[in-house]
Amino acid sequence: MVKRIIAIGIIYFCIAVGWIILSATTYIRTEEQDDKLKSAVGQLWGTAQTQRAPQIYWLDRITRIETNADESVSRTVDEKHFLNLKTSRIEVDLSLEHRRKGLLWYSTYQVQFAASYTLINPTDENRHLYFDLKLPAPRAVYDDFTL
């Protein structure tokens, strides 16, 4: 009876070691594929993105006179004056989409982003303002983009 219990224990131990080896191999292969496929997923469906607040400014054209040892040179320079946003109303709608690449599944998202900003002109003059909005990805496709 003891021999049978020892035999069952040895068989159980060998099976457990086999499962550990199989799971480790599967895990390592999955991680290797994940490293390779992440860039492919980014090329197909886009990478992680962050949207920053816009910069709003006006330009003042200033003439500066710089004097060297022998001569003075006047240069016209555009000086930026930035305005702070008073309020921001931002609406984001995220839609999760699972996409399969190889044997792995990746979480991708469709994003609908809408924002309106208010600001205050600190001067008494009407200004020509510049609205500088850096988009998250330079080569991405943005549908229904309006300003």
C-alpha atoms as a PDB file:
ATOM      1  CA  MET A   1       0.000   0.000   0.000  1.00  0.00           C
ATOM      2  CA  VAL A   2       2.846   2.375   0.841  1.00  0.00           C
ATOM      3  CA  LYS A   3       4.472   1.651  -2.535  1.00  0.00           C
ATOM      4  CA  ARG A   4       1.266   2.650  -4.329  1.00  0.00           C
ATOM      5  CA  ILE A   5       1.001   5.911  -2.383  1.00  0.00           C
ATOM      6  CA  ILE A   6       4.656   6.702  -3.134  1.00  0.00           C
ATOM      7  CA  ALA A   7       4.077   5.881  -6.832  1.00  0.00           C
ATOM      8  CA  ILE A   8       1.005   8.133  -6.932  1.00  0.00           C
ATOM      9  CA  GLY A   9       3.016  10.904  -5.216  1.00  0.00           C
ATOM     10  CA  ILE A  10       5.853  10.581  -7.761  1.00  0.00           C
ATOM     11  CA  ILE A  11       3.374  10.645 -10.657  1.00  0.00           C
ATOM     12  CA  TYR A  12       1.608  13.679  -9.144  1.00  0.00           C
ATOM     13  CA  PHE A  13       4.949  15.463  -8.681  1.00  0.00           C
ATOM     14  CA  CYS A  14       6.026  14.739 -12.289  1.00  0.00           C
ATOM     15  CA  ILE A  15       2.691  15.987 -13.646  1.00  0.00           C
ATOM     16  CA  ALA A  16       2.936  19.147 -11.514  1.00  0.00           C
ATOM     17  CA  VAL A  17       6.477  19.825 -12.808  1.00  0.00           C
ATOM     18  CA  GLY A  18       5.234  19.251 -16.374  1.00  0.00           C
ATOM     19  CA  TRP A  19       2.412  21.762 -15.903  1.00  0.00           C
ATOM     20  CA  ILE A  20       4.826  24.306 -14.425  1.00  0.00           C
ATOM     21  CA  ILE A  21       7.170  23.921 -17.413  1.00  0.00           C
ATOM     22  CA  LEU A  22       4.266  24.198 -19.863  1.00  0.00           C
ATOM     23  CA  SER A  23       2.838  27.290 -18.179  1.00  0.00           C
ATOM     24  CA  ALA A  24       6.266  28.973 -17.999  1.00  0.00           C
ATOM     25  CA  THR A  25       6.869  28.278 -21.690  1.00  0.00           C
ATOM     26  CA  THR A  26       3.446  29.640 -22.629  1.00  0.00           C
ATOM     27  CA  TYR A  27       3.974  32.734 -20.485  1.00  0.00           C
ATOM     28  CA  ILE A  28       7.407  33.465 -21.982  1.00  0.00           C
ATOM     29  CA  ARG A  29       6.153  33.008 -25.554  1.00  0.00           C
ATOM     30  CA  THR A  30       3.165  35.242 -24.877  1.00  0.00           C
ATOM     31  CA  GLU A  31       5.374  38.005 -23.458  1.00  0.00           C
ATOM     32  CA  GLU A  32       7.736  37.765 -26.438  1.00  0.00           C
ATOM     33  CA  GLN A  33       4.822  37.999 -28.873  1.00  0.00           C
ATOM     34  CA  ASP A  34       3.291  40.865 -26.910  1.00  0.00           C
ATOM     35  CA  ASP A  35       6.520  42.858 -27.178  1.00  0.00           C
ATOM     36  CA  LYS A  36       6.598  42.268 -30.940  1.00  0.00           C
ATOM     37  CA  LEU A  37       2.905  42.900 -31.547  1.00  0.00           C
ATOM     38  CA  LYS A  38       2.482  46.094 -29.506  1.00  0.00           C
ATOM     39  CA  SER A  39       4.191  48.178 -32.172  1.00  0.00           C
ATOM     40  CA  ALA A  40       2.118  46.491 -34.892  1.00  0.00           C
ATOM     41  CA  VAL A  41      -1.054  47.226 -32.929  1.00  0.00           C
ATOM     42  CA  GLY A  42       0.058  50.845 -32.564  1.00  0.00           C
ATOM     43  CA  GLN A  43       0.598  51.121 -36.311  1.00  0.00           C
ATOM     44  CA  LEU A  44      -2.778  49.574 -37.114  1.00  0.00           C
ATOM     45  CA  TRP A  45      -5.032  51.125 -34.504  1.00  0.00           C
ATOM     46  CA  GLY A  46      -3.011  53.936 -32.941  1.00  0.00           C
ATOM     47  CA  THR A  47      -1.000  54.387 -29.776  1.00  0.00           C
ATOM     48  CA  ALA A  48      -1.874  55.804 -26.368  1.00  0.00           C
ATOM     49  CA  GLN A  49      -2.756  59.483 -26.593  1.00  0.00           C
ATOM     50  CA  THR A  50      -2.835  62.474 -24.279  1.00  0.00           C
ATOM     51  CA  GLN A  51      -4.641  65.708 -25.156  1.00  0.00           C
ATOM     52  CA  ARG A  52      -3.148  68.867 -23.693  1.00  0.00           C
ATOM     53  CA  ALA A  53      -4.960  72.153 -23.184  1.00  0.00           C
ATOM     54  CA  PRO A  54      -4.595  74.681 -25.996  1.00  0.00           C
ATOM     55  CA  GLN A  55      -2.315  77.683 -25.777  1.00  0.00           C
ATOM     56  CA  ILE A  56      -3.932  80.987 -26.669  1.00  0.00           C
ATOM     57  CA  TYR A  57      -1.816  84.058 -27.271  1.00  0.00           C
ATOM     58  CA  TRP A  58      -1.489  87.311 -29.161  1.00  0.00           C
ATOM     59  CA  LEU A  59       1.572  88.774 -30.817  1.00  0.00           C
ATOM     60  CA  ASP A  60       3.089  92.201 -30.309  1.00  0.00           C
ATOM     61  CA  ARG A  61       5.569  93.329 -32.931  1.00  0.00           C
ATOM     62  CA  ILE A  62       8.458  94.972 -31.104  1.00  0.00           C
ATOM     63  CA  THR A  63      11.477  96.688 -32.615  1.00  0.00           C
ATOM     64  CA  ARG A  64      14.615  96.108 -30.610  1.00  0.00           C
ATOM     65  CA  ILE A  65      17.824  97.996 -31.099  1.00  0.00           C
ATOM     66  CA  GLU A  66      20.935  95.990 -30.363  1.00  0.00           C
ATOM     67  CA  THR A  67      24.217  97.793 -30.167  1.00  0.00           C
ATOM     68  CA  ASN A  68      27.525  96.164 -30.804  1.00  0.00           C
ATOM     69  CA  ALA A  69      30.904  97.785 -30.389  1.00  0.00           C
ATOM     70  CA  ASP A  70      30.777  99.401 -33.835  1.00  0.00           C
ATOM     71  CA  GLU A  71      27.142  99.593 -34.899  1.00  0.00           C
ATOM     72  CA  SER A  72      23.546  99.406 -33.770  1.00  0.00           C
ATOM     73  CA  VAL A  73      21.124  97.025 -35.441  1.00  0.00           C
ATOM     74  CA  SER A  74      17.358  97.221 -35.193  1.00  0.00           C
ATOM     75  CA  ARG A  75      15.403  93.980 -35.290  1.00  0.00           C
ATOM     76  CA  THR A  76      11.686  93.426 -35.393  1.00  0.00           C
ATOM     77  CA  VAL A  77      10.590  90.616 -33.107  1.00  0.00           C
ATOM     78  CA  ASP A  78       7.160  89.080 -32.486  1.00  0.00           C
ATOM     79  CA  GLU A  79       6.624  88.710 -28.756  1.00  0.00           C
ATOM     80  CA  LYS A  80       4.022  86.204 -27.559  1.00  0.00           C
ATOM     81  CA  HIS A  81       1.655  87.097 -24.720  1.00  0.00           C
ATOM     82  CA  PHE A  82      -0.153  84.026 -23.421  1.00  0.00           C
ATOM     83  CA  LEU A  83      -3.660  84.078 -21.974  1.00  0.00           C
ATOM     84  CA  ASN A  84      -4.854  81.743 -19.252  1.00  0.00           C
ATOM     85  CA  LEU A  85      -8.016  79.780 -19.821  1.00  0.00           C
ATOM     86  CA  LYS A  86     -10.805  80.867 -17.495  1.00  0.00           C
ATOM     87  CA  THR A  87     -12.994  77.788 -17.915  1.00  0.00           C
ATOM     88  CA  SER A  88     -12.932  74.531 -19.828  1.00  0.00           C
ATOM     89  CA  ARG A  89     -15.920  72.375 -20.670  1.00  0.00           C
ATOM     90  CA  ILE A  90     -14.635  69.027 -21.892  1.00  0.00           C
ATOM     91  CA  GLU A  91     -16.716  66.032 -22.909  1.00  0.00           C
ATOM     92  CA  VAL A  92     -15.161  62.668 -23.708  1.00  0.00           C
ATOM     93  CA  ASP A  93     -16.928  59.524 -24.852  1.00  0.00           C
ATOM     94  CA  LEU A  94     -14.785  56.371 -24.720  1.00  0.00           C
ATOM     95  CA  SER A  95     -15.885  53.203 -26.489  1.00  0.00           C
ATOM     96  CA  LEU A  96     -13.897  50.078 -25.697  1.00  0.00           C
ATOM     97  CA  GLU A  97     -13.126  47.770 -28.594  1.00  0.00           C
ATOM     98  CA  HIS A  98     -11.206  44.541 -28.117  1.00  0.00           C
ATOM     99  CA  ARG A  99      -9.025  43.763 -31.126  1.00  0.00           C
ATOM    100  CA  ARG A 100      -7.168  40.555 -31.795  1.00  0.00           C
ATOM    101  CA  LYS A 101      -3.642  40.456 -33.152  1.00  0.00           C
ATOM    102  CA  GLY A 102      -2.119  37.004 -33.396  1.00  0.00           C
ATOM    103  CA  LEU A 103      -3.254  35.029 -30.367  1.00  0.00           C
ATOM    104  CA  LEU A 104      -3.477  38.098 -28.135  1.00  0.00           C
ATOM    105  CA  TRP A 105      -6.326  40.519 -27.525  1.00  0.00           C
ATOM    106  CA  TYR A 106      -5.697  44.246 -27.116  1.00  0.00           C
ATOM    107  CA  SER A 107      -7.929  46.944 -25.690  1.00  0.00           C
ATOM    108  CA  THR A 108      -8.416  49.758 -28.178  1.00  0.00           C
ATOM    109  CA  TYR A 109     -10.715  52.729 -27.842  1.00  0.00           C
ATOM    110  CA  GLN A 110     -12.731  55.026 -30.018  1.00  0.00           C
ATOM    111  CA  VAL A 111     -12.774  58.481 -28.516  1.00  0.00           C
ATOM    112  CA  GLN A 112     -15.147  61.344 -29.144  1.00  0.00           C
ATOM    113  CA  PHE A 113     -13.718  64.546 -27.726  1.00  0.00           C
ATOM    114  CA  ALA A 114     -15.472  67.909 -27.548  1.00  0.00           C
ATOM    115  CA  ALA A 115     -14.216  70.947 -25.680  1.00  0.00           C
ATOM    116  CA  SER A 116     -15.108  74.595 -25.324  1.00  0.00           C
ATOM    117  CA  TYR A 117     -12.896  77.132 -23.607  1.00  0.00           C
ATOM    118  CA  THR A 118     -13.472  80.634 -22.280  1.00  0.00           C
ATOM    119  CA  LEU A 119     -10.883  83.251 -21.543  1.00  0.00           C
ATOM    120  CA  ILE A 120     -10.663  86.904 -20.563  1.00  0.00           C
ATOM    121  CA  ASN A 121      -8.774  89.567 -22.454  1.00  0.00           C
ATOM    122  CA  PRO A 122      -6.780  91.373 -19.736  1.00  0.00           C
ATOM    123  CA  THR A 123      -6.268  94.443 -21.933  1.00  0.00           C
ATOM    124  CA  ASP A 124      -8.714  97.094 -23.129  1.00  0.00           C
ATOM    125  CA  GLU A 125      -7.782  96.525 -26.770  1.00  0.00           C
ATOM    126  CA  ASN A 126      -9.239  94.107 -29.277  1.00  0.00           C
ATOM    127  CA  ARG A 127      -6.665  91.437 -30.013  1.00  0.00           C
ATOM    128  CA  HIS A 128      -6.048  89.015 -32.842  1.00  0.00           C
ATOM    129  CA  LEU A 129      -5.663  85.741 -30.913  1.00  0.00           C
ATOM    130  CA  TYR A 130      -3.843  82.586 -31.947  1.00  0.00           C
ATOM    131  CA  PHE A 131      -5.199  79.215 -30.873  1.00  0.00           C
ATOM    132  CA  ASP A 132      -2.445  76.593 -30.673  1.00  0.00           C
ATOM    133  CA  LEU A 133      -3.845  73.093 -30.132  1.00  0.00           C
ATOM    134  CA  LYS A 134      -1.318  70.274 -30.225  1.00  0.00           C
ATOM    135  CA  LEU A 135      -3.030  67.098 -31.386  1.00  0.00           C
ATOM    136  CA  PRO A 136      -2.013  63.886 -29.587  1.00  0.00           C
ATOM    137  CA  ALA A 137      -0.548  62.013 -32.549  1.00  0.00           C
ATOM    138  CA  PRO A 138       0.917  63.793 -35.566  1.00  0.00           C
ATOM    139  CA  ARG A 139       0.081  61.132 -38.170  1.00  0.00           C
ATOM    140  CA  ALA A 140      -3.299  60.035 -36.825  1.00  0.00           C
ATOM    141  CA  VAL A 141      -6.592  60.436 -38.663  1.00  0.00           C
ATOM    142  CA  TYR A 142      -9.095  62.679 -36.902  1.00  0.00           C
ATOM    143  CA  ASP A 143     -12.692  62.423 -38.116  1.00  0.00           C
ATOM    144  CA  ASP A 144     -15.127  65.355 -37.827  1.00  0.00           C
ATOM    145  CA  PHE A 145     -12.501  67.802 -36.577  1.00  0.00           C
ATOM    146  CA  THR A 146     -13.853  71.360 -36.340  1.00  0.00           C
ATOM    147  CA  LEU A 147     -12.555  74.497 -34.722  1.00  0.00           C
END
